[in-house]
PDB file of all heavy atoms in Angstrom:
ATOM      1  N   THR A   1     -18.837  -0.603  13.596  1.00  0.00           N
ATOM      2  CA  THR A   1     -17.950  -1.275  12.647  1.00  0.00           C
ATOM      3  C   THR A   1     -18.308  -0.922  11.205  1.00  0.00           C
ATOM      4  O   THR A   1     -17.432  -0.652  10.384  1.00  0.00           O
ATOM      5  CB  THR A   1     -18.023  -2.800  12.835  1.00  0.00           C
ATOM      6  OG1 THR A   1     -17.615  -3.117  14.158  1.00  0.00           O
ATOM      7  CG2 THR A   1     -17.133  -3.522  11.842  1.00  0.00           C
ATOM      8  N   PHE A   2     -19.609  -0.915  10.887  1.00  0.00           N
ATOM      9  CA  PHE A   2     -20.017  -0.790   9.487  1.00  0.00           C
ATOM     10  C   PHE A   2     -20.561   0.578   9.100  1.00  0.00           C
ATOM     11  O   PHE A   2     -21.042   0.749   7.994  1.00  0.00           O
ATOM     12  CB  PHE A   2     -21.062  -1.869   9.164  1.00  0.00           C
ATOM     13  CG  PHE A   2     -20.513  -3.265   9.297  1.00  0.00           C
ATOM     14  CD1 PHE A   2     -20.901  -4.086  10.341  1.00  0.00           C
ATOM     15  CD2 PHE A   2     -19.594  -3.745   8.380  1.00  0.00           C
ATOM     16  CE1 PHE A   2     -20.397  -5.369  10.460  1.00  0.00           C
ATOM     17  CE2 PHE A   2     -19.082  -5.021   8.495  1.00  0.00           C
ATOM     18  CZ  PHE A   2     -19.488  -5.830   9.544  1.00  0.00           C
ATOM     19  N   ASP A   3     -20.496   1.573   9.975  1.00  0.00           N
ATOM     20  CA  ASP A   3     -21.048   2.879   9.611  1.00  0.00           C
ATOM     21  C   ASP A   3     -20.133   3.679   8.693  1.00  0.00           C
ATOM     22  O   ASP A   3     -20.568   4.607   8.032  1.00  0.00           O
ATOM     23  CB  ASP A   3     -21.400   3.686  10.861  1.00  0.00           C
ATOM     24  CG  ASP A   3     -20.188   4.091  11.685  1.00  0.00           C
ATOM     25  OD1 ASP A   3     -19.056   3.707  11.343  1.00  0.00           O
ATOM     26  OD2 ASP A   3     -20.385   4.803  12.699  1.00  0.00           O
ATOM     27  N   GLY A   4     -18.850   3.350   8.639  1.00  0.00           N
ATOM     28  CA  GLY A   4     -17.926   4.054   7.757  1.00  0.00           C
ATOM     29  C   GLY A   4     -17.356   5.325   8.362  1.00  0.00           C
ATOM     30  O   GLY A   4     -16.490   5.969   7.759  1.00  0.00           O
ATOM     31  N   LYS A   5     -17.806   5.711   9.535  1.00  0.00           N
ATOM     32  CA  LYS A   5     -17.313   6.929  10.180  1.00  0.00           C
ATOM     33  C   LYS A   5     -16.119   6.669  11.080  1.00  0.00           C
ATOM     34  O   LYS A   5     -15.421   7.597  11.470  1.00  0.00           O
ATOM     35  CB  LYS A   5     -18.436   7.556  11.024  1.00  0.00           C
ATOM     36  CG  LYS A   5     -19.613   8.004  10.201  1.00  0.00           C
ATOM     37  CD  LYS A   5     -20.717   8.511  11.093  1.00  0.00           C
ATOM     38  CE  LYS A   5     -21.956   8.848  10.272  1.00  0.00           C
ATOM     39  NZ  LYS A   5     -23.098   9.195  11.126  1.00  0.00           N
ATOM     40  N   HIS A   6     -15.886   5.419  11.423  1.00  0.00           N
ATOM     41  CA  HIS A   6     -14.802   5.060  12.333  1.00  0.00           C
ATOM     42  C   HIS A   6     -13.896   4.008  11.700  1.00  0.00           C
ATOM     43  O   HIS A   6     -13.836   2.873  12.176  1.00  0.00           O
ATOM     44  CB  HIS A   6     -15.373   4.518  13.646  1.00  0.00           C
ATOM     45  CG  HIS A   6     -16.384   5.401  14.286  1.00  0.00           C
ATOM     46  ND1 HIS A   6     -17.724   5.271  14.057  1.00  0.00           N
ATOM     47  CD2 HIS A   6     -16.235   6.452  15.125  1.00  0.00           C
ATOM     48  CE1 HIS A   6     -18.370   6.185  14.742  1.00  0.00           C
ATOM     49  NE2 HIS A   6     -17.493   6.927  15.394  1.00  0.00           N
ATOM     50  N   PRO A   7     -13.168   4.334  10.618  1.00  0.00           N
ATOM     51  CA  PRO A   7     -12.326   3.313   9.973  1.00  0.00           C
ATOM     52  C   PRO A   7     -11.082   3.011  10.812  1.00  0.00           C
ATOM     53  O   PRO A   7     -10.518   3.891  11.465  1.00  0.00           O
ATOM     54  CB  PRO A   7     -11.949   3.956   8.639  1.00  0.00           C
ATOM     55  CG  PRO A   7     -12.028   5.420   8.899  1.00  0.00           C
ATOM     56  CD  PRO A   7     -13.102   5.616   9.926  1.00  0.00           C
ATOM     57  N   CYS A   8     -10.695   1.772  10.767  1.00  0.00           N
ATOM     58  CA  CYS A   8      -9.482   1.352  11.463  1.00  0.00           C
ATOM     59  C   CYS A   8      -8.277   1.588  10.537  1.00  0.00           C
ATOM     60  O   CYS A   8      -8.438   1.900   9.363  1.00  0.00           O
ATOM     61  CB  CYS A   8      -9.588  -0.119  11.849  1.00  0.00           C
ATOM     62  SG  CYS A   8      -9.553  -1.262  10.460  1.00  0.00           S
ATOM     63  N   PRO A   9      -7.064   1.428  11.048  1.00  0.00           N
ATOM     64  CA  PRO A   9      -5.880   1.626  10.186  1.00  0.00           C
ATOM     65  C   PRO A   9      -5.842   0.665   8.986  1.00  0.00           C
ATOM     66  O   PRO A   9      -5.386   1.040   7.909  1.00  0.00           O
ATOM     67  CB  PRO A   9      -4.705   1.354  11.128  1.00  0.00           C
ATOM     68  CG  PRO A   9      -5.240   1.589  12.497  1.00  0.00           C
ATOM     69  CD  PRO A   9      -6.692   1.246  12.441  1.00  0.00           C
ATOM     70  N   ILE A  10      -6.343  -0.552   9.181  1.00  0.00           N
ATOM     71  CA  ILE A  10      -6.361  -1.504   8.065  1.00  0.00           C
ATOM     72  C   ILE A  10      -7.311  -1.008   6.975  1.00  0.00           C
ATOM     73  O   ILE A  10      -7.003  -1.065   5.786  1.00  0.00           O
ATOM     74  CB  ILE A  10      -6.763  -2.914   8.541  1.00  0.00           C
ATOM     75  CG1 ILE A  10      -5.769  -3.436   9.571  1.00  0.00           C
ATOM     76  CG2 ILE A  10      -6.832  -3.882   7.367  1.00  0.00           C
ATOM     77  CD1 ILE A  10      -6.178  -4.754  10.208  1.00  0.00           C
ATOM     78  N   CYS A  11      -8.486  -0.484   7.386  1.00  0.00           N
ATOM     79  CA  CYS A  11      -9.455   0.036   6.407  1.00  0.00           C
ATOM     80  C   CYS A  11      -8.875   1.206   5.638  1.00  0.00           C
ATOM     81  O   CYS A  11      -9.089   1.348   4.431  1.00  0.00           O
ATOM     82  CB  CYS A  11     -10.742   0.456   7.107  1.00  0.00           C
ATOM     83  SG  CYS A  11     -11.688  -0.915   7.786  1.00  0.00           S
ATOM     84  N   LYS A  12      -8.144   2.060   6.334  1.00  0.00           N
ATOM     85  CA  LYS A  12      -7.508   3.210   5.665  1.00  0.00           C
ATOM     86  C   LYS A  12      -6.452   2.739   4.663  1.00  0.00           C
ATOM     87  O   LYS A  12      -6.339   3.282   3.565  1.00  0.00           O
ATOM     88  CB  LYS A  12      -6.888   4.134   6.698  1.00  0.00           C
ATOM     89  CG  LYS A  12      -7.911   4.855   7.552  1.00  0.00           C
ATOM     90  CD  LYS A  12      -7.238   5.694   8.622  1.00  0.00           C
ATOM     91  CE  LYS A  12      -8.286   6.338   9.521  1.00  0.00           C
ATOM     92  NZ  LYS A  12      -7.673   7.086  10.629  1.00  0.00           N
ATOM     93  N   ALA A  13      -5.681   1.717   5.044  1.00  0.00           N
ATOM     94  CA  ALA A  13      -4.661   1.184   4.136  1.00  0.00           C
ATOM     95  C   ALA A  13      -5.303   0.535   2.921  1.00  0.00           C
ATOM     96  O   ALA A  13      -4.800   0.668   1.787  1.00  0.00           O
ATOM     97  CB  ALA A  13      -3.779   0.182   4.877  1.00  0.00           C
ATOM     98  N   ILE A  14      -6.426  -0.151   3.127  1.00  0.00           N
ATOM     99  CA  ILE A  14      -7.123  -0.785   2.006  1.00  0.00           C
ATOM    100  C   ILE A  14      -7.655   0.276   1.057  1.00  0.00           C
ATOM    101  O   ILE A  14      -7.537   0.154  -0.169  1.00  0.00           O
ATOM    102  CB  ILE A  14      -8.257  -1.696   2.519  1.00  0.00           C
ATOM    103  CG1 ILE A  14      -7.667  -2.907   3.237  1.00  0.00           C
ATOM    104  CG2 ILE A  14      -9.152  -2.152   1.379  1.00  0.00           C
ATOM    105  CD1 ILE A  14      -8.691  -3.722   3.997  1.00  0.00           C
ATOM    106  N   ALA A  15      -8.251   1.338   1.598  1.00  0.00           N
ATOM    107  CA  ALA A  15      -8.775   2.417   0.759  1.00  0.00           C
ATOM    108  C   ALA A  15      -7.649   3.077  -0.036  1.00  0.00           C
ATOM    109  O   ALA A  15      -7.807   3.372  -1.228  1.00  0.00           O
ATOM    110  CB  ALA A  15      -9.498   3.442   1.614  1.00  0.00           C
ATOM    111  N   ALA A  16      -6.500   3.302   0.606  1.00  0.00           N
ATOM    112  CA  ALA A  16      -5.363   3.896  -0.099  1.00  0.00           C
ATOM    113  C   ALA A  16      -4.839   2.951  -1.181  1.00  0.00           C
ATOM    114  O   ALA A  16      -4.476   3.389  -2.277  1.00  0.00           O
ATOM    115  CB  ALA A  16      -4.258   4.228   0.895  1.00  0.00           C
ATOM    116  N   GLY A  17      -4.812   1.648  -0.888  1.00  0.00           N
ATOM    117  CA  GLY A  17      -4.348   0.664  -1.873  1.00  0.00           C
ATOM    118  C   GLY A  17      -5.261   0.586  -3.077  1.00  0.00           C
ATOM    119  O   GLY A  17      -4.810   0.504  -4.222  1.00  0.00           O
ATOM    120  N   LYS A  18      -6.566   0.627  -2.824  1.00  0.00           N
ATOM    121  CA  LYS A  18      -7.515   0.596  -3.941  1.00  0.00           C
ATOM    122  C   LYS A  18      -7.383   1.841  -4.796  1.00  0.00           C
ATOM    123  O   LYS A  18      -7.479   1.789  -6.019  1.00  0.00           O
ATOM    124  CB  LYS A  18      -8.950   0.494  -3.418  1.00  0.00           C
ATOM    125  CG  LYS A  18      -9.352  -0.869  -2.948  1.00  0.00           C
ATOM    126  CD  LYS A  18     -10.807  -0.835  -2.518  1.00  0.00           C
ATOM    127  CE  LYS A  18     -11.308  -2.169  -2.063  1.00  0.00           C
ATOM    128  NZ  LYS A  18     -12.707  -2.124  -1.635  1.00  0.00           N
ATOM    129  N   LYS A  19      -7.168   2.973  -4.135  1.00  0.00           N
ATOM    130  CA  LYS A  19      -7.061   4.235  -4.868  1.00  0.00           C
ATOM    131  C   LYS A  19      -5.777   4.289  -5.698  1.00  0.00           C
ATOM    132  O   LYS A  19      -5.754   4.849  -6.788  1.00  0.00           O
ATOM    133  CB  LYS A  19      -7.089   5.409  -3.888  1.00  0.00           C
ATOM    134  CG  LYS A  19      -7.301   6.751  -4.547  1.00  0.00           C
ATOM    135  CD  LYS A  19      -7.355   7.867  -3.526  1.00  0.00           C
ATOM    136  CE  LYS A  19      -8.697   7.838  -2.824  1.00  0.00           C
ATOM    137  NZ  LYS A  19      -8.881   9.009  -1.939  1.00  0.00           N
ATOM    138  N   SER A  20      -4.692   3.685  -5.161  1.00  0.00           N
ATOM    139  CA  SER A  20      -3.411   3.743  -5.863  1.00  0.00           C
ATOM    140  C   SER A  20      -3.350   2.793  -7.058  1.00  0.00           C
ATOM    141  O   SER A  20      -2.502   2.966  -7.936  1.00  0.00           O
ATOM    142  CB  SER A  20      -2.269   3.426  -4.907  1.00  0.00           C
ATOM    143  OG  SER A  20      -2.305   2.067  -4.537  1.00  0.00           O
ATOM    144  N   GLU A  21      -4.215   1.776  -7.052  1.00  0.00           N
ATOM    145  CA  GLU A  21      -4.240   0.878  -8.205  1.00  0.00           C
ATOM    146  C   GLU A  21      -4.690   1.647  -9.427  1.00  0.00           C
ATOM    147  O   GLU A  21      -5.676   2.372  -9.398  1.00  0.00           O
ATOM    148  CB  GLU A  21      -5.208  -0.285  -7.967  1.00  0.00           C
ATOM    149  CG  GLU A  21      -4.605  -1.439  -7.254  1.00  0.00           C
ATOM    150  CD  GLU A  21      -5.549  -2.626  -7.219  1.00  0.00           C
ATOM    151  OE1 GLU A  21      -6.730  -2.487  -7.583  1.00  0.00           O
ATOM    152  OE2 GLU A  21      -5.092  -3.697  -6.819  1.00  0.00           O
ATOM    153  N   LYS A  22      -3.968   1.493 -10.475  1.00  0.00           N
ATOM    154  CA  LYS A  22      -4.349   2.163 -11.716  1.00  0.00           C
ATOM    155  C   LYS A  22      -5.265   1.253 -12.505  1.00  0.00           C
ATOM    156  O   LYS A  22      -4.900   0.145 -12.839  1.00  0.00           O
ATOM    157  CB  LYS A  22      -3.113   2.519 -12.535  1.00  0.00           C
ATOM    158  CG  LYS A  22      -2.248   3.566 -11.896  1.00  0.00           C
ATOM    159  CD  LYS A  22      -1.081   3.922 -12.776  1.00  0.00           C
ATOM    160  CE  LYS A  22      -0.237   4.978 -12.117  1.00  0.00           C
ATOM    161  NZ  LYS A  22       0.923   5.323 -12.927  1.00  0.00           N
ATOM    162  N   LYS A  23      -6.426   1.749 -12.797  1.00  0.00           N
ATOM    163  CA  LYS A  23      -7.363   1.001 -13.631  1.00  0.00           C
ATOM    164  C   LYS A  23      -7.117   1.411 -15.073  1.00  0.00           C
ATOM    165  O   LYS A  23      -7.184   2.577 -15.420  1.00  0.00           O
ATOM    166  CB  LYS A  23      -8.805   1.326 -13.232  1.00  0.00           C
ATOM    167  CG  LYS A  23      -9.105   0.992 -11.808  1.00  0.00           C
ATOM    168  CD  LYS A  23      -9.988  -0.185 -11.758  1.00  0.00           C
ATOM    169  CE  LYS A  23     -10.294  -0.467 -10.295  1.00  0.00           C
ATOM    170  NZ  LYS A  23     -11.093  -1.574 -10.101  1.00  0.00           N
ATOM    171  N   LYS A  24      -6.839   0.443 -15.885  1.00  0.00           N
ATOM    172  CA  LYS A  24      -6.634   0.734 -17.304  1.00  0.00           C
ATOM    173  C   LYS A  24      -7.978   0.846 -17.983  1.00  0.00           C
ATOM    174  O   LYS A  24      -8.833  -0.004 -17.830  1.00  0.00           O
ATOM    175  CB  LYS A  24      -5.822  -0.369 -17.974  1.00  0.00           C
ATOM    176  CG  LYS A  24      -4.366  -0.311 -17.691  1.00  0.00           C
ATOM    177  CD  LYS A  24      -3.632  -1.296 -18.579  1.00  0.00           C
ATOM    178  CE  LYS A  24      -2.144  -1.124 -18.456  1.00  0.00           C
ATOM    179  NZ  LYS A  24      -1.432  -2.015 -19.352  1.00  0.00           N
ATOM    180  N   ASP A  25      -8.133   1.899 -18.723  1.00  0.00           N
ATOM    181  CA  ASP A  25      -9.324   2.037 -19.547  1.00  0.00           C
ATOM    182  C   ASP A  25      -9.071   1.267 -20.825  1.00  0.00           C
ATOM    183  O   ASP A  25      -8.152   1.583 -21.582  1.00  0.00           O
ATOM    184  CB  ASP A  25      -9.615   3.505 -19.866  1.00  0.00           C
ATOM    185  CG  ASP A  25     -10.047   4.267 -18.626  1.00  0.00           C
ATOM    186  OD1 ASP A  25     -10.586   3.623 -17.717  1.00  0.00           O
ATOM    187  OD2 ASP A  25      -9.836   5.486 -18.585  1.00  0.00           O
ATOM    188  N   PHE A  26      -9.861   0.273 -21.037  1.00  0.00           N
ATOM    189  CA  PHE A  26      -9.685  -0.556 -22.222  1.00  0.00           C
ATOM    190  C   PHE A  26     -10.318   0.133 -23.407  1.00  0.00           C
ATOM    191  O   PHE A  26     -11.516   0.344 -23.455  1.00  0.00           O
ATOM    192  CB  PHE A  26     -10.319  -1.934 -22.011  1.00  0.00           C
ATOM    193  CG  PHE A  26     -10.144  -2.842 -23.182  1.00  0.00           C
ATOM    194  CD1 PHE A  26      -8.910  -3.369 -23.489  1.00  0.00           C
ATOM    195  CD2 PHE A  26     -11.210  -3.158 -24.007  1.00  0.00           C
ATOM    196  CE1 PHE A  26      -8.743  -4.213 -24.574  1.00  0.00           C
ATOM    197  CE2 PHE A  26     -11.051  -3.983 -25.093  1.00  0.00           C
ATOM    198  CZ  PHE A  26      -9.811  -4.509 -25.370  1.00  0.00           C
ATOM    199  N   SER A  27      -9.488   0.525 -24.322  1.00  0.00           N
ATOM    200  CA  SER A  27      -9.988   1.131 -25.549  1.00  0.00           C
ATOM    201  C   SER A  27      -9.378   0.364 -26.718  1.00  0.00           C
ATOM    202  O   SER A  27      -8.204   0.525 -27.038  1.00  0.00           O
ATOM    203  CB  SER A  27      -9.601   2.614 -25.625  1.00  0.00           C
ATOM    204  OG  SER A  27      -8.206   2.762 -25.548  1.00  0.00           O
ATOM    205  N   PRO A  28     -10.153  -0.492 -27.304  1.00  0.00           N
ATOM    206  CA  PRO A  28      -9.605  -1.289 -28.402  1.00  0.00           C
ATOM    207  C   PRO A  28      -9.262  -0.411 -29.595  1.00  0.00           C
ATOM    208  O   PRO A  28     -10.006   0.489 -29.963  1.00  0.00           O
ATOM    209  CB  PRO A  28     -10.728  -2.261 -28.731  1.00  0.00           C
ATOM    210  CG  PRO A  28     -11.964  -1.581 -28.286  1.00  0.00           C
ATOM    211  CD  PRO A  28     -11.561  -0.742 -27.095  1.00  0.00           C
ATOM    212  N   GLN A  29      -8.123  -0.659 -30.140  1.00  0.00           N
ATOM    213  CA  GLN A  29      -7.707   0.091 -31.321  1.00  0.00           C
ATOM    214  C   GLN A  29      -8.037  -0.762 -32.539  1.00  0.00           C
ATOM    215  O   GLN A  29      -7.487  -1.841 -32.721  1.00  0.00           O
ATOM    216  CB  GLN A  29      -6.222   0.396 -31.259  1.00  0.00           C
ATOM    217  CG  GLN A  29      -5.865   1.313 -30.099  1.00  0.00           C
ATOM    218  CD  GLN A  29      -4.375   1.590 -30.063  1.00  0.00           C
ATOM    219  OE1 GLN A  29      -3.610   1.056 -30.841  1.00  0.00           O
ATOM    220  NE2 GLN A  29      -3.972   2.426 -29.131  1.00  0.00           N
ATOM    221  N   LEU A  30      -8.927  -0.263 -33.328  1.00  0.00           N
ATOM    222  CA  LEU A  30      -9.334  -0.995 -34.518  1.00  0.00           C
ATOM    223  C   LEU A  30      -8.296  -0.799 -35.609  1.00  0.00           C
ATOM    224  O   LEU A  30      -7.832   0.307 -35.858  1.00  0.00           O
ATOM    225  CB  LEU A  30     -10.701  -0.517 -34.991  1.00  0.00           C
ATOM    226  CG  LEU A  30     -11.831  -0.679 -33.977  1.00  0.00           C
ATOM    227  CD1 LEU A  30     -13.110  -0.081 -34.541  1.00  0.00           C
ATOM    228  CD2 LEU A  30     -12.043  -2.144 -33.657  1.00  0.00           C
TER     229      LEU A  30
END
């Protein structure tokens, strides 16, 4: 279960969802 070599379809969907989320780089404009 926890070795990471045998992901289930839910784990694959979660990984794809995390990857598709866009992380905004916060750069304050002075």
